[in-house]
Amino acid sequence: MSAAGGRPVDLAHLSTYTGGDAALNAEVLQLFVDQAAKLMVQLRNALEVADQKSWYATAHSLKG
């Protein structure tokens, strides 16, 4: 894990972008969770049809 303190999300870093607004932090994190779920479906679909190009592009989106 690369986030501060070994946690998956560096909340202090996130707060620098949200001005420490707890509601905005929660909204940003929920957006990530929602997008990650959709991207995981896309990764699974790409694996099922052995589409390396789509898998790579989707994995890159998830990383970003």
PDB file of N, CA and C in Angstrom:
ATOM      1  N   MET A   1       0.838  -1.174   0.000  1.00  0.00           N
ATOM      2  CA  MET A   1       0.000   0.000   0.000  1.00  0.00           C
ATOM      3  C   MET A   1       0.883   1.238   0.000  1.00  0.00           C
ATOM      4  N   SER A   2       0.458   2.227  -0.715  1.00  0.00           N
ATOM      5  CA  SER A   2       1.294   3.405  -0.823  1.00  0.00           C
ATOM      6  C   SER A   2       0.729   4.624  -0.115  1.00  0.00           C
ATOM      7  N   ALA A   3      -0.472   4.552   0.376  1.00  0.00           N
ATOM      8  CA  ALA A   3      -1.070   5.696   1.059  1.00  0.00           C
ATOM      9  C   ALA A   3      -0.418   5.878   2.428  1.00  0.00           C
ATOM     10  N   ALA A   4      -0.582   7.048   2.981  1.00  0.00           N
ATOM     11  CA  ALA A   4       0.015   7.372   4.272  1.00  0.00           C
ATOM     12  C   ALA A   4      -0.430   6.384   5.337  1.00  0.00           C
ATOM     13  N   GLY A   5       0.517   5.947   6.148  1.00  0.00           N
ATOM     14  CA  GLY A   5       0.189   5.048   7.249  1.00  0.00           C
ATOM     15  C   GLY A   5      -0.212   3.657   6.812  1.00  0.00           C
ATOM     16  N   GLY A   6       0.035   3.289   5.555  1.00  0.00           N
ATOM     17  CA  GLY A   6      -0.318   1.971   5.071  1.00  0.00           C
ATOM     18  C   GLY A   6      -1.800   1.784   4.814  1.00  0.00           C
ATOM     19  N   ARG A   7      -2.553   2.864   4.814  1.00  0.00           N
ATOM     20  CA  ARG A   7      -3.993   2.772   4.546  1.00  0.00           C
ATOM     21  C   ARG A   7      -4.240   2.894   3.055  1.00  0.00           C
ATOM     22  N   PRO A   8      -5.306   2.290   2.551  1.00  0.00           N
ATOM     23  CA  PRO A   8      -5.561   2.318   1.106  1.00  0.00           C
ATOM     24  C   PRO A   8      -5.883   3.710   0.570  1.00  0.00           C
ATOM     25  N   VAL A   9      -6.390   4.598   1.427  1.00  0.00           N
ATOM     26  CA  VAL A   9      -6.706   5.964   1.004  1.00  0.00           C
ATOM     27  C   VAL A   9      -6.051   6.932   1.980  1.00  0.00           C
ATOM     28  N   ASP A  10      -5.309   7.872   1.444  1.00  0.00           N
ATOM     29  CA  ASP A  10      -4.674   8.902   2.258  1.00  0.00           C
ATOM     30  C   ASP A  10      -5.696  10.027   2.454  1.00  0.00           C
ATOM     31  N   LEU A  11      -6.426   9.970   3.557  1.00  0.00           N
ATOM     32  CA  LEU A  11      -7.489  10.935   3.810  1.00  0.00           C
ATOM     33  C   LEU A  11      -6.957  12.344   4.007  1.00  0.00           C
ATOM     34  N   ALA A  12      -5.753  12.479   4.538  1.00  0.00           N
ATOM     35  CA  ALA A  12      -5.154  13.810   4.693  1.00  0.00           C
ATOM     36  C   ALA A  12      -4.897  14.427   3.317  1.00  0.00           C
ATOM     37  N   HIS A  13      -4.411  13.616   2.397  1.00  0.00           N
ATOM     38  CA  HIS A  13      -4.165  14.097   1.029  1.00  0.00           C
ATOM     39  C   HIS A  13      -5.482  14.472   0.356  1.00  0.00           C
ATOM     40  N   LEU A  14      -6.495  13.637   0.517  1.00  0.00           N
ATOM     41  CA  LEU A  14      -7.811  13.936  -0.035  1.00  0.00           C
ATOM     42  C   LEU A  14      -8.330  15.258   0.517  1.00  0.00           C
ATOM     43  N   SER A  15      -8.137  15.474   1.805  1.00  0.00           N
ATOM     44  CA  SER A  15      -8.623  16.698   2.442  1.00  0.00           C
ATOM     45  C   SER A  15      -7.959  17.953   1.889  1.00  0.00           C
ATOM     46  N   THR A  16      -6.733  17.819   1.381  1.00  0.00           N
ATOM     47  CA  THR A  16      -6.086  19.001   0.794  1.00  0.00           C
ATOM     48  C   THR A  16      -6.819  19.446  -0.466  1.00  0.00           C
ATOM     49  N   TYR A  17      -7.481  18.520  -1.125  1.00  0.00           N
ATOM     50  CA  TYR A  17      -8.219  18.842  -2.353  1.00  0.00           C
ATOM     51  C   TYR A  17      -9.671  19.230  -2.086  1.00  0.00           C
ATOM     52  N   THR A  18     -10.174  18.855  -0.917  1.00  0.00           N
ATOM     53  CA  THR A  18     -11.586  19.122  -0.608  1.00  0.00           C
ATOM     54  C   THR A  18     -11.746  20.196   0.463  1.00  0.00           C
ATOM     55  N   GLY A  19     -10.639  20.757   0.894  1.00  0.00           N
ATOM     56  CA  GLY A  19     -10.700  21.765   1.938  1.00  0.00           C
ATOM     57  C   GLY A  19     -11.133  21.202   3.276  1.00  0.00           C
ATOM     58  N   GLY A  20     -11.004  19.896   3.438  1.00  0.00           N
ATOM     59  CA  GLY A  20     -11.370  19.253   4.692  1.00  0.00           C
ATOM     60  C   GLY A  20     -12.869  19.058   4.872  1.00  0.00           C
ATOM     61  N   ASP A  21     -13.626  19.299   3.826  1.00  0.00           N
ATOM     62  CA  ASP A  21     -15.091  19.155   3.886  1.00  0.00           C
ATOM     63  C   ASP A  21     -15.443  17.664   3.932  1.00  0.00           C
ATOM     64  N   ALA A  22     -15.942  17.213   5.075  1.00  0.00           N
ATOM     65  CA  ALA A  22     -16.227  15.791   5.269  1.00  0.00           C
ATOM     66  C   ALA A  22     -17.267  15.280   4.278  1.00  0.00           C
ATOM     67  N   ALA A  23     -18.276  16.082   3.987  1.00  0.00           N
ATOM     68  CA  ALA A  23     -19.314  15.654   3.035  1.00  0.00           C
ATOM     69  C   ALA A  23     -18.727  15.504   1.641  1.00  0.00           C
ATOM     70  N   LEU A  24     -17.848  16.420   1.263  1.00  0.00           N
ATOM     71  CA  LEU A  24     -17.213  16.331  -0.052  1.00  0.00           C
ATOM     72  C   LEU A  24     -16.265  15.141  -0.111  1.00  0.00           C
ATOM     73  N   ASN A  25     -15.538  14.890   0.979  1.00  0.00           N
ATOM     74  CA  ASN A  25     -14.681  13.693   1.042  1.00  0.00           C
ATOM     75  C   ASN A  25     -15.513  12.441   0.795  1.00  0.00           C
ATOM     76  N   ALA A  26     -16.650  12.345   1.478  1.00  0.00           N
ATOM     77  CA  ALA A  26     -17.519  11.180   1.338  1.00  0.00           C
ATOM     78  C   ALA A  26     -18.040  11.061  -0.090  1.00  0.00           C
ATOM     79  N   GLU A  27     -18.384  12.188  -0.692  1.00  0.00           N
ATOM     80  CA  GLU A  27     -18.892  12.168  -2.065  1.00  0.00           C
ATOM     81  C   GLU A  27     -17.825  11.685  -3.041  1.00  0.00           C
ATOM     82  N   VAL A  28     -16.603  12.192  -2.893  1.00  0.00           N
ATOM     83  CA  VAL A  28     -15.503  11.781  -3.767  1.00  0.00           C
ATOM     84  C   VAL A  28     -15.228  10.287  -3.603  1.00  0.00           C
ATOM     85  N   LEU A  29     -15.198   9.811  -2.370  1.00  0.00           N
ATOM     86  CA  LEU A  29     -14.953   8.394  -2.123  1.00  0.00           C
ATOM     87  C   LEU A  29     -16.079   7.531  -2.687  1.00  0.00           C
ATOM     88  N   GLN A  30     -17.327   7.979  -2.565  1.00  0.00           N
ATOM     89  CA  GLN A  30     -18.451   7.218  -3.117  1.00  0.00           C
ATOM     90  C   GLN A  30     -18.387   7.174  -4.638  1.00  0.00           C
ATOM     91  N   LEU A  31     -17.974   8.287  -5.250  1.00  0.00           N
ATOM     92  CA  LEU A  31     -17.804   8.295  -6.710  1.00  0.00           C
ATOM     93  C   LEU A  31     -16.772   7.250  -7.136  1.00  0.00           C
ATOM     94  N   PHE A  32     -15.679   7.153  -6.369  1.00  0.00           N
ATOM     95  CA  PHE A  32     -14.652   6.154  -6.678  1.00  0.00           C
ATOM     96  C   PHE A  32     -15.213   4.741  -6.537  1.00  0.00           C
ATOM     97  N   VAL A  33     -15.931   4.490  -5.459  1.00  0.00           N
ATOM     98  CA  VAL A  33     -16.506   3.159  -5.225  1.00  0.00           C
ATOM     99  C   VAL A  33     -17.446   2.788  -6.374  1.00  0.00           C
ATOM    100  N   ASP A  34     -18.298   3.725  -6.766  1.00  0.00           N
ATOM    101  CA  ASP A  34     -19.253   3.460  -7.849  1.00  0.00           C
ATOM    102  C   ASP A  34     -18.533   3.188  -9.167  1.00  0.00           C
ATOM    103  N   GLN A  35     -17.533   4.024  -9.479  1.00  0.00           N
ATOM    104  CA  GLN A  35     -16.803   3.844 -10.724  1.00  0.00           C
ATOM    105  C   GLN A  35     -15.998   2.542 -10.698  1.00  0.00           C
ATOM    106  N   ALA A  36     -15.389   2.237  -9.566  1.00  0.00           N
ATOM    107  CA  ALA A  36     -14.594   1.011  -9.456  1.00  0.00           C
ATOM    108  C   ALA A  36     -15.459  -0.219  -9.687  1.00  0.00           C
ATOM    109  N   ALA A  37     -16.671  -0.215  -9.164  1.00  0.00           N
ATOM    110  CA  ALA A  37     -17.567  -1.353  -9.368  1.00  0.00           C
ATOM    111  C   ALA A  37     -17.872  -1.551 -10.849  1.00  0.00           C
ATOM    112  N   LYS A  38     -18.128  -0.471 -11.561  1.00  0.00           N
ATOM    113  CA  LYS A  38     -18.401  -0.563 -12.998  1.00  0.00           C
ATOM    114  C   LYS A  38     -17.167  -1.034 -13.763  1.00  0.00           C
ATOM    115  N   LEU A  39     -16.009  -0.543 -13.363  1.00  0.00           N
ATOM    116  CA  LEU A  39     -14.778  -0.949 -14.045  1.00  0.00           C
ATOM    117  C   LEU A  39     -14.449  -2.413 -13.786  1.00  0.00           C
ATOM    118  N   MET A  40     -14.769  -2.913 -12.601  1.00  0.00           N
ATOM    119  CA  MET A  40     -14.537  -4.333 -12.309  1.00  0.00           C
ATOM    120  C   MET A  40     -15.395  -5.216 -13.212  1.00  0.00           C
ATOM    121  N   VAL A  41     -16.615  -4.801 -13.492  1.00  0.00           N
ATOM    122  CA  VAL A  41     -17.478  -5.542 -14.422  1.00  0.00           C
ATOM    123  C   VAL A  41     -16.844  -5.540 -15.807  1.00  0.00           C
ATOM    124  N   GLN A  42     -16.339  -4.392 -16.223  1.00  0.00           N
ATOM    125  CA  GLN A  42     -15.702  -4.302 -17.532  1.00  0.00           C
ATOM    126  C   GLN A  42     -14.458  -5.180 -17.600  1.00  0.00           C
ATOM    127  N   LEU A  43     -13.677  -5.221 -16.521  1.00  0.00           N
ATOM    128  CA  LEU A  43     -12.488  -6.092 -16.491  1.00  0.00           C
ATOM    129  C   LEU A  43     -12.893  -7.557 -16.619  1.00  0.00           C
ATOM    130  N   ARG A  44     -13.923  -7.949 -15.878  1.00  0.00           N
ATOM    131  CA  ARG A  44     -14.400  -9.334 -15.935  1.00  0.00           C
ATOM    132  C   ARG A  44     -14.868  -9.684 -17.354  1.00  0.00           C
ATOM    133  N   ASN A  45     -15.606  -8.773 -17.981  1.00  0.00           N
ATOM    134  CA  ASN A  45     -16.080  -9.007 -19.344  1.00  0.00           C
ATOM    135  C   ASN A  45     -14.922  -9.128 -20.325  1.00  0.00           C
ATOM    136  N   ALA A  46     -13.926  -8.279 -20.179  1.00  0.00           N
ATOM    137  CA  ALA A  46     -12.764  -8.345 -21.068  1.00  0.00           C
ATOM    138  C   ALA A  46     -12.014  -9.663 -20.888  1.00  0.00           C
ATOM    139  N   LEU A  47     -11.924 -10.143 -19.658  1.00  0.00           N
ATOM    140  CA  LEU A  47     -11.274 -11.432 -19.409  1.00  0.00           C
ATOM    141  C   LEU A  47     -12.045 -12.584 -20.046  1.00  0.00           C
ATOM    142  N   GLU A  48     -13.365 -12.522 -19.939  1.00  0.00           N
ATOM    143  CA  GLU A  48     -14.196 -13.602 -20.473  1.00  0.00           C
ATOM    144  C   GLU A  48     -14.052 -13.753 -21.979  1.00  0.00           C
ATOM    145  N   VAL A  49     -13.825 -12.643 -22.679  1.00  0.00           N
ATOM    146  CA  VAL A  49     -13.690 -12.718 -24.143  1.00  0.00           C
ATOM    147  C   VAL A  49     -12.238 -12.588 -24.586  1.00  0.00           C
ATOM    148  N   ALA A  50     -11.318 -12.637 -23.615  1.00  0.00           N
ATOM    149  CA  ALA A  50      -9.873 -12.555 -23.884  1.00  0.00           C
ATOM    150  C   ALA A  50      -9.509 -11.321 -24.691  1.00  0.00           C
ATOM    151  N   ASP A  51     -10.079 -10.178 -24.311  1.00  0.00           N
ATOM    152  CA  ASP A  51      -9.806  -8.908 -24.988  1.00  0.00           C
ATOM    153  C   ASP A  51      -8.744  -8.151 -24.196  1.00  0.00           C
ATOM    154  N   GLN A  52      -7.483  -8.404 -24.563  1.00  0.00           N
ATOM    155  CA  GLN A  52      -6.368  -7.807 -23.836  1.00  0.00           C
ATOM    156  C   GLN A  52      -6.373  -6.287 -23.902  1.00  0.00           C
ATOM    157  N   LYS A  53      -6.681  -5.753 -25.070  1.00  0.00           N
ATOM    158  CA  LYS A  53      -6.653  -4.302 -25.251  1.00  0.00           C
ATOM    159  C   LYS A  53      -7.672  -3.624 -24.333  1.00  0.00           C
ATOM    160  N   SER A  54      -8.882  -4.141 -24.279  1.00  0.00           N
ATOM    161  CA  SER A  54      -9.919  -3.570 -23.408  1.00  0.00           C
ATOM    162  C   SER A  54      -9.558  -3.757 -21.943  1.00  0.00           C
ATOM    163  N   TRP A  55      -9.017  -4.928 -21.601  1.00  0.00           N
ATOM    164  CA  TRP A  55      -8.631  -5.174 -20.222  1.00  0.00           C
ATOM    165  C   TRP A  55      -7.583  -4.171 -19.778  1.00  0.00           C
ATOM    166  N   TYR A  56      -6.566  -3.961 -20.615  1.00  0.00           N
ATOM    167  CA  TYR A  56      -5.497  -3.021 -20.275  1.00  0.00           C
ATOM    168  C   TYR A  56      -6.045  -1.607 -20.119  1.00  0.00           C
ATOM    169  N   ALA A  57      -6.885  -1.169 -21.049  1.00  0.00           N
ATOM    170  CA  ALA A  57      -7.437   0.177 -20.982  1.00  0.00           C
ATOM    171  C   ALA A  57      -8.299   0.363 -19.731  1.00  0.00           C
ATOM    172  N   THR A  58      -9.073  -0.659 -19.397  1.00  0.00           N
ATOM    173  CA  THR A  58      -9.920  -0.574 -18.215  1.00  0.00           C
ATOM    174  C   THR A  58      -9.084  -0.581 -16.942  1.00  0.00           C
ATOM    175  N   ALA A  59      -8.070  -1.431 -16.896  1.00  0.00           N
ATOM    176  CA  ALA A  59      -7.185  -1.483 -15.725  1.00  0.00           C
ATOM    177  C   ALA A  59      -6.492  -0.131 -15.540  1.00  0.00           C
ATOM    178  N   HIS A  60      -6.103   0.485 -16.637  1.00  0.00           N
ATOM    179  CA  HIS A  60      -5.463   1.814 -16.561  1.00  0.00           C
ATOM    180  C   HIS A  60      -6.442   2.842 -16.008  1.00  0.00           C
ATOM    181  N   SER A  61      -7.695   2.770 -16.407  1.00  0.00           N
ATOM    182  CA  SER A  61      -8.725   3.681 -15.889  1.00  0.00           C
ATOM    183  C   SER A  61      -8.909   3.491 -14.391  1.00  0.00           C
ATOM    184  N   LEU A  62      -8.917   2.239 -13.954  1.00  0.00           N
ATOM    185  CA  LEU A  62      -9.089   1.949 -12.536  1.00  0.00           C
ATOM    186  C   LEU A  62      -7.901   2.490 -11.737  1.00  0.00           C
ATOM    187  N   LYS A  63      -6.710   2.319 -12.261  1.00  0.00           N
ATOM    188  CA  LYS A  63      -5.515   2.805 -11.583  1.00  0.00           C
ATOM    189  C   LYS A  63      -5.549   4.324 -11.457  1.00  0.00           C
ATOM    190  N   GLY A  64      -6.008   4.980 -12.504  1.00  0.00           N
ATOM    191  CA  GLY A  64      -6.034   6.443 -12.530  1.00  0.00           C
ATOM    192  C   GLY A  64      -7.069   6.984 -11.620  1.00  0.00           C
TER     193      GLY A  64
END
